[in-house]
C-alpha cells in the first residue's frame, strides 16, 4: 500500500490555517470520494485513501495510506493535494 506524507510550514496560527484550508479539504474530499471527520484540529479521512491531516500553529501535516486504485495515481494525487494546500495557505 502506497503512502503520502508531507509537512507544509506556515506562519498563520492554527485557527487561520484551518479556516483557509477547509475549502481545499472539502474540494479534495469530493474529488476523491473521501469521508472526512474533524476532531478539533485533526481531519480524519477515509475512502480511496485513509489517514489524517493535522493543523498545527506553524504547519500542516498529512499522512495518508492509499488504496490499490489510488496507489496507481500516487504522484498525481500528491501533487494535487500539495497544490491545493499551498494555494490555501498562501
N, C-alpha and C. Protein backbone atom coordinates (compact mmCIF):
# COMPACT_ATOMS: atom_id res chain seq x y z
N UNK A 1 0.84 -1.18 0.00
CA UNK A 1 0.00 0.00 0.00
C UNK A 1 0.88 1.24 0.00
N UNK A 2 0.64 2.16 -0.90
CA UNK A 2 1.43 3.38 -1.00
C UNK A 2 1.01 4.39 0.07
N UNK A 3 1.95 5.26 0.42
CA UNK A 3 1.66 6.31 1.39
C UNK A 3 2.07 7.66 0.84
N UNK A 4 1.44 8.69 1.37
CA UNK A 4 1.81 10.07 1.10
C UNK A 4 1.96 10.75 2.45
N UNK A 5 3.08 11.42 2.67
CA UNK A 5 3.30 12.17 3.90
C UNK A 5 4.04 13.44 3.54
N UNK A 6 3.60 14.54 4.10
CA UNK A 6 4.36 15.77 3.96
C UNK A 6 3.95 16.77 5.01
N UNK A 7 4.80 17.76 5.18
CA UNK A 7 4.56 18.86 6.12
C UNK A 7 4.69 20.16 5.34
N UNK A 8 3.75 21.06 5.54
CA UNK A 8 3.79 22.39 4.93
C UNK A 8 3.88 23.40 6.07
N UNK A 9 4.95 24.17 6.11
CA UNK A 9 5.14 25.21 7.13
C UNK A 9 4.30 26.43 6.78
N UNK A 10 3.85 27.15 7.81
CA UNK A 10 3.13 28.41 7.63
C UNK A 10 3.33 29.25 8.88
N UNK A 11 2.90 30.48 8.82
CA UNK A 11 3.00 31.38 9.98
C UNK A 11 1.65 31.99 10.31
N UNK A 12 0.59 31.24 10.10
CA UNK A 12 -0.77 31.75 10.23
C UNK A 12 -1.42 31.48 11.58
N UNK A 13 -0.88 30.59 12.35
CA UNK A 13 -1.57 30.11 13.55
C UNK A 13 -2.56 29.03 13.14
N UNK A 14 -2.93 28.19 14.07
CA UNK A 14 -3.77 27.04 13.71
C UNK A 14 -5.18 27.43 13.29
N UNK A 15 -5.80 28.41 13.94
CA UNK A 15 -7.18 28.79 13.61
C UNK A 15 -7.27 29.35 12.19
N UNK A 16 -6.36 30.25 11.83
CA UNK A 16 -6.40 30.85 10.48
C UNK A 16 -6.02 29.82 9.42
N UNK A 17 -5.04 28.98 9.70
CA UNK A 17 -4.67 27.95 8.74
C UNK A 17 -5.84 27.00 8.49
N UNK A 18 -6.52 26.60 9.55
CA UNK A 18 -7.67 25.71 9.41
C UNK A 18 -8.77 26.40 8.59
N UNK A 19 -9.06 27.64 8.89
CA UNK A 19 -10.07 28.39 8.15
C UNK A 19 -9.75 28.42 6.66
N UNK A 20 -8.49 28.63 6.34
CA UNK A 20 -8.08 28.73 4.94
C UNK A 20 -8.10 27.39 4.20
N UNK A 21 -7.78 26.30 4.89
CA UNK A 21 -7.71 25.02 4.20
C UNK A 21 -9.05 24.28 4.13
N UNK A 22 -10.04 24.70 4.91
CA UNK A 22 -11.33 24.00 4.90
C UNK A 22 -11.91 23.83 3.50
N UNK A 23 -11.95 24.90 2.66
CA UNK A 23 -12.48 24.70 1.30
C UNK A 23 -11.63 23.74 0.47
N UNK A 24 -10.32 23.77 0.62
CA UNK A 24 -9.44 22.87 -0.12
C UNK A 24 -9.67 21.42 0.30
N UNK A 25 -9.88 21.20 1.58
CA UNK A 25 -10.15 19.85 2.06
C UNK A 25 -11.48 19.35 1.52
N UNK A 26 -12.50 20.20 1.56
CA UNK A 26 -13.81 19.81 1.04
C UNK A 26 -13.73 19.48 -0.45
N UNK A 27 -13.00 20.30 -1.21
CA UNK A 27 -12.85 20.07 -2.65
C UNK A 27 -12.12 18.76 -2.92
N UNK A 28 -11.04 18.52 -2.21
CA UNK A 28 -10.26 17.31 -2.40
C UNK A 28 -11.06 16.08 -1.98
N UNK A 29 -11.78 16.18 -0.86
CA UNK A 29 -12.60 15.06 -0.40
C UNK A 29 -13.67 14.71 -1.43
N UNK A 30 -14.30 15.73 -2.01
CA UNK A 30 -15.32 15.48 -3.03
C UNK A 30 -14.70 14.86 -4.28
N UNK A 31 -13.55 15.36 -4.69
CA UNK A 31 -12.89 14.87 -5.90
C UNK A 31 -12.47 13.40 -5.78
N UNK A 32 -12.08 12.99 -4.59
CA UNK A 32 -11.58 11.63 -4.40
C UNK A 32 -12.56 10.73 -3.63
N UNK A 33 -13.76 11.22 -3.39
CA UNK A 33 -14.78 10.42 -2.71
C UNK A 33 -14.42 10.04 -1.28
N UNK A 34 -13.83 10.98 -0.55
CA UNK A 34 -13.41 10.71 0.82
C UNK A 34 -14.47 11.16 1.81
N UNK A 35 -14.62 10.40 2.88
CA UNK A 35 -15.43 10.82 4.02
C UNK A 35 -14.48 11.49 4.99
N UNK A 36 -14.87 12.68 5.49
CA UNK A 36 -14.00 13.39 6.43
C UNK A 36 -14.73 13.61 7.75
N UNK A 37 -13.93 13.65 8.80
CA UNK A 37 -14.44 13.90 10.15
C UNK A 37 -13.38 14.70 10.90
N UNK A 38 -13.80 15.86 11.41
CA UNK A 38 -12.88 16.71 12.17
C UNK A 38 -12.97 16.36 13.65
N UNK A 39 -11.81 16.31 14.28
CA UNK A 39 -11.68 16.14 15.72
C UNK A 39 -10.73 17.25 16.18
N UNK A 40 -11.31 18.39 16.52
CA UNK A 40 -10.57 19.62 16.82
C UNK A 40 -9.72 20.02 15.61
N UNK A 41 -8.42 19.95 15.69
CA UNK A 41 -7.55 20.37 14.58
C UNK A 41 -7.00 19.19 13.77
N UNK A 42 -7.65 18.06 13.87
CA UNK A 42 -7.25 16.87 13.11
C UNK A 42 -8.40 16.44 12.21
N UNK A 43 -8.11 16.36 10.92
CA UNK A 43 -9.10 15.90 9.95
C UNK A 43 -8.78 14.44 9.62
N UNK A 44 -9.70 13.55 9.99
CA UNK A 44 -9.56 12.14 9.65
C UNK A 44 -10.31 11.91 8.35
N UNK A 45 -9.75 11.13 7.45
CA UNK A 45 -10.43 10.86 6.19
C UNK A 45 -10.31 9.39 5.83
N UNK A 46 -11.31 8.91 5.07
CA UNK A 46 -11.33 7.51 4.66
C UNK A 46 -12.05 7.40 3.32
N UNK A 47 -11.69 6.42 2.57
CA UNK A 47 -12.25 6.16 1.24
C UNK A 47 -11.17 5.50 0.40
N UNK A 48 -10.91 6.06 -0.79
CA UNK A 48 -9.82 5.54 -1.63
C UNK A 48 -8.47 5.70 -0.93
N UNK A 49 -8.43 6.61 0.03
CA UNK A 49 -7.25 6.83 0.87
C UNK A 49 -7.75 7.02 2.29
N UNK A 50 -6.91 6.71 3.25
CA UNK A 50 -7.28 6.95 4.64
C UNK A 50 -6.09 7.55 5.37
N UNK A 51 -6.39 8.33 6.37
CA UNK A 51 -5.32 8.95 7.15
C UNK A 51 -5.80 10.16 7.89
N UNK A 52 -4.87 11.10 8.09
CA UNK A 52 -5.23 12.31 8.84
C UNK A 52 -4.40 13.50 8.36
N UNK A 53 -4.99 14.64 8.54
CA UNK A 53 -4.32 15.91 8.29
C UNK A 53 -4.39 16.68 9.60
N UNK A 54 -3.25 17.08 10.12
CA UNK A 54 -3.18 17.77 11.40
C UNK A 54 -2.79 19.23 11.17
N UNK A 55 -3.59 20.12 11.73
CA UNK A 55 -3.32 21.56 11.64
C UNK A 55 -2.62 21.98 12.92
N UNK A 56 -1.43 22.50 12.79
CA UNK A 56 -0.66 23.00 13.93
C UNK A 56 -0.48 24.51 13.78
N UNK A 57 -0.01 25.15 14.81
CA UNK A 57 0.16 26.60 14.79
C UNK A 57 1.15 27.05 13.71
N UNK A 58 2.09 26.18 13.34
CA UNK A 58 3.12 26.57 12.38
C UNK A 58 3.26 25.62 11.19
N UNK A 59 2.37 24.62 11.10
CA UNK A 59 2.48 23.66 10.00
C UNK A 59 1.18 22.89 9.79
N UNK A 60 1.11 22.27 8.62
CA UNK A 60 0.05 21.32 8.28
C UNK A 60 0.77 20.01 8.00
N UNK A 61 0.32 18.94 8.63
CA UNK A 61 0.98 17.65 8.46
C UNK A 61 -0.03 16.64 7.91
N UNK A 62 0.33 15.97 6.83
CA UNK A 62 -0.55 15.00 6.19
C UNK A 62 0.11 13.62 6.19
N UNK A 63 -0.67 12.62 6.57
CA UNK A 63 -0.26 11.22 6.48
C UNK A 63 -1.43 10.46 5.88
N UNK A 64 -1.21 9.82 4.74
CA UNK A 64 -2.28 9.09 4.06
C UNK A 64 -1.78 7.74 3.57
N UNK A 65 -2.66 6.75 3.67
CA UNK A 65 -2.42 5.43 3.10
C UNK A 65 -3.36 5.30 1.92
N UNK A 66 -2.83 5.00 0.77
CA UNK A 66 -3.63 4.92 -0.44
C UNK A 66 -4.07 3.48 -0.69
N UNK A 67 -5.33 3.34 -1.10
CA UNK A 67 -5.82 2.03 -1.50
C UNK A 67 -5.17 1.63 -2.83
N UNK A 68 -5.47 0.44 -3.29
CA UNK A 68 -4.84 -0.10 -4.50
C UNK A 68 -5.06 0.82 -5.71
N UNK A 69 -6.29 1.21 -5.96
CA UNK A 69 -6.57 2.06 -7.12
C UNK A 69 -5.87 3.41 -6.99
N UNK A 70 -5.96 4.03 -5.82
CA UNK A 70 -5.32 5.33 -5.61
C UNK A 70 -3.80 5.22 -5.70
N UNK A 71 -3.25 4.07 -5.32
CA UNK A 71 -1.79 3.88 -5.38
C UNK A 71 -1.26 4.04 -6.80
N UNK A 72 -2.07 3.67 -7.76
CA UNK A 72 -1.66 3.79 -9.16
C UNK A 72 -1.50 5.25 -9.59
N UNK A 73 -2.15 6.16 -8.86
CA UNK A 73 -2.10 7.59 -9.19
C UNK A 73 -1.43 8.39 -8.08
N UNK A 74 -0.54 7.75 -7.32
CA UNK A 74 0.07 8.38 -6.15
C UNK A 74 0.67 9.75 -6.46
N UNK A 75 1.49 9.84 -7.49
CA UNK A 75 2.17 11.11 -7.79
C UNK A 75 1.17 12.21 -8.14
N UNK A 76 0.17 11.90 -8.94
CA UNK A 76 -0.85 12.90 -9.30
C UNK A 76 -1.64 13.35 -8.07
N UNK A 77 -2.00 12.41 -7.23
CA UNK A 77 -2.75 12.72 -6.02
C UNK A 77 -1.92 13.61 -5.09
N UNK A 78 -0.66 13.25 -4.88
CA UNK A 78 0.22 14.04 -4.01
C UNK A 78 0.39 15.45 -4.54
N UNK A 79 0.57 15.60 -5.85
CA UNK A 79 0.72 16.94 -6.45
C UNK A 79 -0.55 17.76 -6.26
N UNK A 80 -1.71 17.15 -6.47
CA UNK A 80 -2.97 17.88 -6.35
C UNK A 80 -3.21 18.33 -4.91
N UNK A 81 -2.97 17.46 -3.96
CA UNK A 81 -3.17 17.83 -2.56
C UNK A 81 -2.20 18.94 -2.16
N UNK A 82 -0.94 18.80 -2.53
CA UNK A 82 0.06 19.83 -2.19
C UNK A 82 -0.31 21.16 -2.83
N UNK A 83 -0.75 21.13 -4.08
CA UNK A 83 -1.15 22.36 -4.79
C UNK A 83 -2.31 23.04 -4.07
N UNK A 84 -3.34 22.28 -3.72
CA UNK A 84 -4.50 22.85 -3.04
C UNK A 84 -4.11 23.45 -1.69
N UNK A 85 -3.32 22.75 -0.92
CA UNK A 85 -2.91 23.26 0.40
C UNK A 85 -2.01 24.48 0.26
N UNK A 86 -1.07 24.43 -0.66
CA UNK A 86 -0.17 25.59 -0.86
C UNK A 86 -0.96 26.83 -1.24
N UNK A 87 -1.93 26.68 -2.14
CA UNK A 87 -2.76 27.82 -2.53
C UNK A 87 -3.57 28.35 -1.35
N UNK A 88 -4.11 27.46 -0.55
CA UNK A 88 -4.92 27.86 0.59
C UNK A 88 -4.10 28.59 1.63
N UNK A 89 -2.86 28.18 1.81
CA UNK A 89 -2.01 28.79 2.84
C UNK A 89 -1.28 30.04 2.37
N UNK A 90 -1.31 30.31 1.08
CA UNK A 90 -0.59 31.47 0.54
C UNK A 90 -1.22 32.79 0.96
